[in-house]
């Protein structure tokens, strides 16, 4: 069991260390350049779509706005992340049983 914990600790230190940071920053930079800074160039249009209430053709009773859809997706993402971070703490590996000789 101690060998397994040592293996997990070693893999954890390597995965969550500099390689992951380099991968995240590199991916963000590559996407920013390949998409020609879309997160900056389209930001005002995205904010307009999300925050300004407007009447669209075909709106019927029960339709939700863009802002309501955004908040629903955001709340689902946050709750899944919370569940994924809390539930593993309830899982406990069983202690090894000693056999009397």
N, C-alpha and C. Protein backbone atom coordinates (compact mmCIF):
# COMPACT_ATOMS: atom_id res chain seq x y z
N UNK A 1 0.82 -1.19 0.00
CA UNK A 1 0.00 0.00 0.00
C UNK A 1 0.87 1.26 0.00
N UNK A 2 1.96 1.22 0.75
CA UNK A 2 2.85 2.37 0.78
C UNK A 2 3.50 2.60 -0.58
N UNK A 3 3.78 1.51 -1.30
CA UNK A 3 4.37 1.64 -2.63
C UNK A 3 3.37 2.31 -3.59
N UNK A 4 2.09 1.94 -3.44
CA UNK A 4 1.06 2.55 -4.28
C UNK A 4 0.91 4.03 -3.98
N UNK A 5 0.92 4.37 -2.68
CA UNK A 5 0.83 5.78 -2.29
C UNK A 5 2.04 6.57 -2.79
N UNK A 6 3.21 5.97 -2.74
CA UNK A 6 4.41 6.63 -3.25
C UNK A 6 4.32 6.83 -4.76
N UNK A 7 3.79 5.84 -5.48
CA UNK A 7 3.61 5.96 -6.92
C UNK A 7 2.63 7.08 -7.26
N UNK A 8 1.51 7.12 -6.55
CA UNK A 8 0.51 8.17 -6.78
C UNK A 8 1.11 9.54 -6.47
N UNK A 9 1.86 9.64 -5.41
CA UNK A 9 2.49 10.91 -5.05
C UNK A 9 3.49 11.35 -6.11
N UNK A 10 4.26 10.43 -6.64
CA UNK A 10 5.24 10.76 -7.68
C UNK A 10 4.55 11.21 -8.96
N UNK A 11 3.53 10.47 -9.38
CA UNK A 11 2.79 10.84 -10.59
C UNK A 11 2.09 12.18 -10.39
N UNK A 12 1.52 12.39 -9.21
CA UNK A 12 0.84 13.65 -8.90
C UNK A 12 1.82 14.82 -8.97
N UNK A 13 2.99 14.66 -8.42
CA UNK A 13 3.98 15.74 -8.46
C UNK A 13 4.44 16.05 -9.87
N UNK A 14 4.51 15.03 -10.71
CA UNK A 14 4.96 15.26 -12.08
C UNK A 14 3.84 15.85 -12.94
N UNK A 15 2.64 15.32 -12.82
CA UNK A 15 1.53 15.77 -13.67
C UNK A 15 1.12 17.19 -13.33
N UNK A 16 1.00 17.53 -12.04
CA UNK A 16 0.51 18.84 -11.64
C UNK A 16 1.64 19.85 -11.49
N UNK A 17 2.80 19.54 -11.98
CA UNK A 17 3.93 20.45 -11.88
C UNK A 17 4.13 21.25 -13.16
N UNK A 18 5.38 21.54 -13.49
CA UNK A 18 5.70 22.36 -14.66
C UNK A 18 5.18 21.81 -16.00
N UNK A 19 5.15 20.48 -16.23
CA UNK A 19 4.63 20.03 -17.53
C UNK A 19 3.19 20.48 -17.80
N UNK A 20 2.34 20.42 -16.78
CA UNK A 20 0.95 20.84 -16.97
C UNK A 20 0.87 22.33 -17.20
N UNK A 21 1.66 23.10 -16.47
CA UNK A 21 1.67 24.55 -16.64
C UNK A 21 2.11 24.92 -18.06
N UNK A 22 3.15 24.27 -18.54
CA UNK A 22 3.63 24.53 -19.90
C UNK A 22 2.57 24.13 -20.92
N UNK A 23 1.92 22.99 -20.70
CA UNK A 23 0.87 22.53 -21.62
C UNK A 23 -0.31 23.51 -21.65
N UNK A 24 -0.74 23.98 -20.48
CA UNK A 24 -1.87 24.92 -20.43
C UNK A 24 -1.54 26.25 -21.08
N UNK A 25 -0.39 26.81 -20.75
CA UNK A 25 -0.01 28.10 -21.34
C UNK A 25 0.24 27.95 -22.83
N UNK A 26 0.86 26.87 -23.23
CA UNK A 26 1.12 26.63 -24.66
C UNK A 26 -0.17 26.46 -25.45
N UNK A 27 -1.11 25.71 -24.90
CA UNK A 27 -2.39 25.52 -25.58
C UNK A 27 -3.15 26.83 -25.69
N UNK A 28 -3.17 27.61 -24.62
CA UNK A 28 -3.85 28.91 -24.66
C UNK A 28 -3.23 29.85 -25.67
N UNK A 29 -1.91 29.88 -25.72
CA UNK A 29 -1.21 30.73 -26.69
C UNK A 29 -1.49 30.27 -28.11
N UNK A 30 -1.42 28.96 -28.34
CA UNK A 30 -1.66 28.44 -29.69
C UNK A 30 -3.10 28.74 -30.15
N UNK A 31 -4.07 28.52 -29.27
CA UNK A 31 -5.46 28.80 -29.65
C UNK A 31 -5.68 30.29 -29.88
N UNK A 32 -5.07 31.14 -29.06
CA UNK A 32 -5.21 32.58 -29.24
C UNK A 32 -4.66 33.00 -30.59
N UNK A 33 -3.50 32.51 -30.95
CA UNK A 33 -2.90 32.89 -32.23
C UNK A 33 -3.62 32.28 -33.42
N UNK A 34 -3.99 31.00 -33.31
CA UNK A 34 -4.63 30.34 -34.46
C UNK A 34 -6.05 30.86 -34.70
N UNK A 35 -6.72 31.30 -33.65
CA UNK A 35 -8.08 31.86 -33.80
C UNK A 35 -8.06 33.38 -33.92
N UNK A 36 -6.90 33.94 -34.08
CA UNK A 36 -6.69 35.38 -34.31
C UNK A 36 -7.34 36.23 -33.22
N UNK A 37 -7.02 35.91 -31.96
CA UNK A 37 -7.44 36.70 -30.80
C UNK A 37 -8.97 36.85 -30.73
N UNK A 38 -9.69 35.76 -31.00
CA UNK A 38 -11.15 35.83 -31.04
C UNK A 38 -11.75 36.21 -29.68
N UNK A 39 -11.08 35.82 -28.57
CA UNK A 39 -11.64 36.14 -27.27
C UNK A 39 -11.62 37.63 -26.99
N UNK A 40 -10.76 38.38 -27.67
CA UNK A 40 -10.73 39.83 -27.50
C UNK A 40 -11.55 40.54 -28.58
N UNK A 41 -11.46 40.06 -29.82
CA UNK A 41 -12.14 40.75 -30.91
C UNK A 41 -13.66 40.59 -30.86
N UNK A 42 -14.15 39.51 -30.33
CA UNK A 42 -15.61 39.26 -30.28
C UNK A 42 -16.20 39.43 -28.88
N UNK A 43 -15.41 39.98 -27.94
CA UNK A 43 -15.88 40.08 -26.57
C UNK A 43 -17.10 40.99 -26.44
N UNK A 44 -17.11 42.14 -27.10
CA UNK A 44 -18.22 43.08 -26.96
C UNK A 44 -19.50 42.50 -27.55
N UNK A 45 -19.38 41.78 -28.66
CA UNK A 45 -20.56 41.15 -29.25
C UNK A 45 -21.10 40.06 -28.33
N UNK A 46 -20.21 39.29 -27.71
CA UNK A 46 -20.63 38.24 -26.79
C UNK A 46 -21.32 38.83 -25.56
N UNK A 47 -20.78 39.92 -25.03
CA UNK A 47 -21.41 40.58 -23.89
C UNK A 47 -22.78 41.14 -24.27
N UNK A 48 -22.88 41.68 -25.47
CA UNK A 48 -24.16 42.20 -25.94
C UNK A 48 -25.19 41.07 -26.01
N UNK A 49 -24.80 39.94 -26.58
CA UNK A 49 -25.73 38.82 -26.70
C UNK A 49 -26.16 38.30 -25.33
N UNK A 50 -25.24 38.30 -24.37
CA UNK A 50 -25.53 37.72 -23.07
C UNK A 50 -26.31 38.66 -22.16
N UNK A 51 -26.08 39.96 -22.26
CA UNK A 51 -26.60 40.86 -21.24
C UNK A 51 -27.75 41.76 -21.70
N UNK A 52 -27.89 42.00 -22.99
CA UNK A 52 -28.93 42.93 -23.47
C UNK A 52 -30.19 42.14 -23.78
N UNK A 53 -31.28 42.54 -23.19
CA UNK A 53 -32.57 41.86 -23.44
C UNK A 53 -33.14 42.39 -24.75
N UNK A 54 -33.51 41.50 -25.62
CA UNK A 54 -34.05 41.90 -26.91
C UNK A 54 -35.14 40.90 -27.31
N UNK A 55 -36.02 41.33 -28.14
CA UNK A 55 -37.10 40.47 -28.63
C UNK A 55 -36.64 39.88 -29.96
N UNK A 56 -36.67 38.57 -30.03
CA UNK A 56 -36.28 37.91 -31.26
C UNK A 56 -37.50 37.31 -31.93
N UNK A 57 -37.40 37.13 -33.22
CA UNK A 57 -38.51 36.57 -33.99
C UNK A 57 -38.72 35.11 -33.55
N UNK A 58 -39.93 34.76 -33.29
CA UNK A 58 -40.24 33.39 -32.90
C UNK A 58 -40.20 33.15 -31.41
N UNK A 59 -40.01 34.20 -30.60
CA UNK A 59 -40.03 34.02 -29.15
C UNK A 59 -41.44 33.65 -28.71
N UNK A 60 -41.51 32.60 -27.92
CA UNK A 60 -42.79 32.15 -27.40
C UNK A 60 -42.72 32.02 -25.90
N UNK A 61 -43.85 31.78 -25.28
CA UNK A 61 -43.91 31.59 -23.84
C UNK A 61 -43.06 30.38 -23.46
N UNK A 62 -42.20 30.57 -22.47
CA UNK A 62 -41.37 29.46 -22.01
C UNK A 62 -39.97 29.48 -22.57
N UNK A 63 -39.69 30.30 -23.58
CA UNK A 63 -38.34 30.41 -24.11
C UNK A 63 -37.45 31.10 -23.08
N UNK A 64 -36.18 30.73 -23.05
CA UNK A 64 -35.27 31.39 -22.13
C UNK A 64 -34.34 32.31 -22.91
N UNK A 65 -33.85 33.31 -22.22
CA UNK A 65 -32.96 34.27 -22.87
C UNK A 65 -31.54 33.70 -22.95
N UNK A 66 -30.69 34.40 -23.69
CA UNK A 66 -29.29 33.98 -23.79
C UNK A 66 -28.63 34.02 -22.41
N UNK A 67 -28.95 35.03 -21.63
CA UNK A 67 -28.37 35.15 -20.30
C UNK A 67 -28.79 34.00 -19.39
N UNK A 68 -30.05 33.61 -19.47
CA UNK A 68 -30.53 32.49 -18.65
C UNK A 68 -29.85 31.19 -19.07
N UNK A 69 -29.64 31.01 -20.36
CA UNK A 69 -28.94 29.81 -20.84
C UNK A 69 -27.49 29.81 -20.36
N UNK A 70 -26.85 30.97 -20.40
CA UNK A 70 -25.48 31.09 -19.93
C UNK A 70 -25.38 30.77 -18.44
N UNK A 71 -26.28 31.31 -17.65
CA UNK A 71 -26.25 31.06 -16.21
C UNK A 71 -26.55 29.60 -15.87
N UNK A 72 -27.42 28.96 -16.63
CA UNK A 72 -27.72 27.55 -16.42
C UNK A 72 -26.49 26.70 -16.70
N UNK A 73 -25.82 26.98 -17.80
CA UNK A 73 -24.60 26.23 -18.14
C UNK A 73 -23.51 26.47 -17.11
N UNK A 74 -23.39 27.71 -16.65
CA UNK A 74 -22.38 28.02 -15.64
C UNK A 74 -22.66 27.33 -14.32
N UNK A 75 -23.91 27.31 -13.90
CA UNK A 75 -24.25 26.65 -12.64
C UNK A 75 -24.02 25.14 -12.72
N UNK A 76 -24.31 24.55 -13.87
CA UNK A 76 -24.06 23.12 -14.04
C UNK A 76 -22.56 22.82 -13.97
N UNK A 77 -21.76 23.68 -14.59
CA UNK A 77 -20.31 23.48 -14.57
C UNK A 77 -19.76 23.61 -13.15
N UNK A 78 -20.22 24.60 -12.43
CA UNK A 78 -19.74 24.81 -11.06
C UNK A 78 -20.15 23.66 -10.16
N UNK A 79 -21.38 23.19 -10.29
CA UNK A 79 -21.83 22.11 -9.42
C UNK A 79 -21.12 20.80 -9.73
N UNK A 80 -20.82 20.53 -10.99
CA UNK A 80 -20.07 19.32 -11.34
C UNK A 80 -18.66 19.40 -10.78
N UNK A 81 -18.03 20.58 -10.87
CA UNK A 81 -16.69 20.72 -10.32
C UNK A 81 -16.70 20.56 -8.81
N UNK A 82 -17.72 21.08 -8.15
CA UNK A 82 -17.81 20.94 -6.70
C UNK A 82 -18.00 19.48 -6.32
N UNK A 83 -18.84 18.78 -7.06
CA UNK A 83 -19.07 17.37 -6.76
C UNK A 83 -17.80 16.55 -7.00
N UNK A 84 -17.08 16.85 -8.05
CA UNK A 84 -15.86 16.10 -8.35
C UNK A 84 -14.76 16.38 -7.33
N UNK A 85 -14.78 17.53 -6.70
CA UNK A 85 -13.75 17.82 -5.71
C UNK A 85 -14.12 17.32 -4.32
N UNK A 86 -15.41 17.12 -4.04
CA UNK A 86 -15.84 16.69 -2.71
C UNK A 86 -15.97 15.17 -2.62
N UNK A 87 -16.56 14.54 -3.60
CA UNK A 87 -16.83 13.11 -3.50
C UNK A 87 -15.59 12.24 -3.32
N UNK A 88 -14.47 12.50 -4.00
CA UNK A 88 -13.30 11.63 -3.76
C UNK A 88 -12.80 11.67 -2.32
N UNK A 89 -13.09 12.73 -1.58
CA UNK A 89 -12.64 12.78 -0.19
C UNK A 89 -13.42 11.80 0.68
N UNK A 90 -14.59 11.35 0.24
CA UNK A 90 -15.37 10.37 0.99
C UNK A 90 -14.91 8.94 0.72
N UNK A 91 -14.14 8.75 -0.32
CA UNK A 91 -13.67 7.42 -0.66
C UNK A 91 -12.40 7.14 0.14
N UNK A 92 -12.42 6.08 0.90
CA UNK A 92 -11.26 5.75 1.71
C UNK A 92 -10.82 4.34 1.34
N UNK A 93 -9.54 4.19 1.10
CA UNK A 93 -9.01 2.88 0.80
C UNK A 93 -9.02 2.03 2.06
N UNK A 94 -9.36 0.77 1.94
CA UNK A 94 -9.40 -0.08 3.13
C UNK A 94 -7.98 -0.31 3.67
N UNK A 95 -7.92 -0.43 4.99
CA UNK A 95 -6.63 -0.73 5.62
C UNK A 95 -6.29 -2.19 5.35
N UNK A 96 -5.01 -2.48 5.12
CA UNK A 96 -4.63 -3.89 4.92
C UNK A 96 -4.85 -4.69 6.20
N UNK A 97 -5.40 -5.88 6.05
CA UNK A 97 -5.68 -6.71 7.22
C UNK A 97 -4.45 -7.57 7.51
N UNK A 98 -4.16 -7.68 8.78
CA UNK A 98 -3.02 -8.51 9.19
C UNK A 98 -3.53 -9.89 9.57
N UNK A 99 -2.82 -10.86 9.09
CA UNK A 99 -3.20 -12.25 9.38
C UNK A 99 -2.30 -12.73 10.51
N UNK A 100 -2.90 -13.17 11.62
CA UNK A 100 -2.05 -13.68 12.74
C UNK A 100 -1.38 -15.01 12.36
N UNK A 101 -0.17 -15.13 12.78
CA UNK A 101 0.58 -16.36 12.46
C UNK A 101 0.64 -17.24 13.67
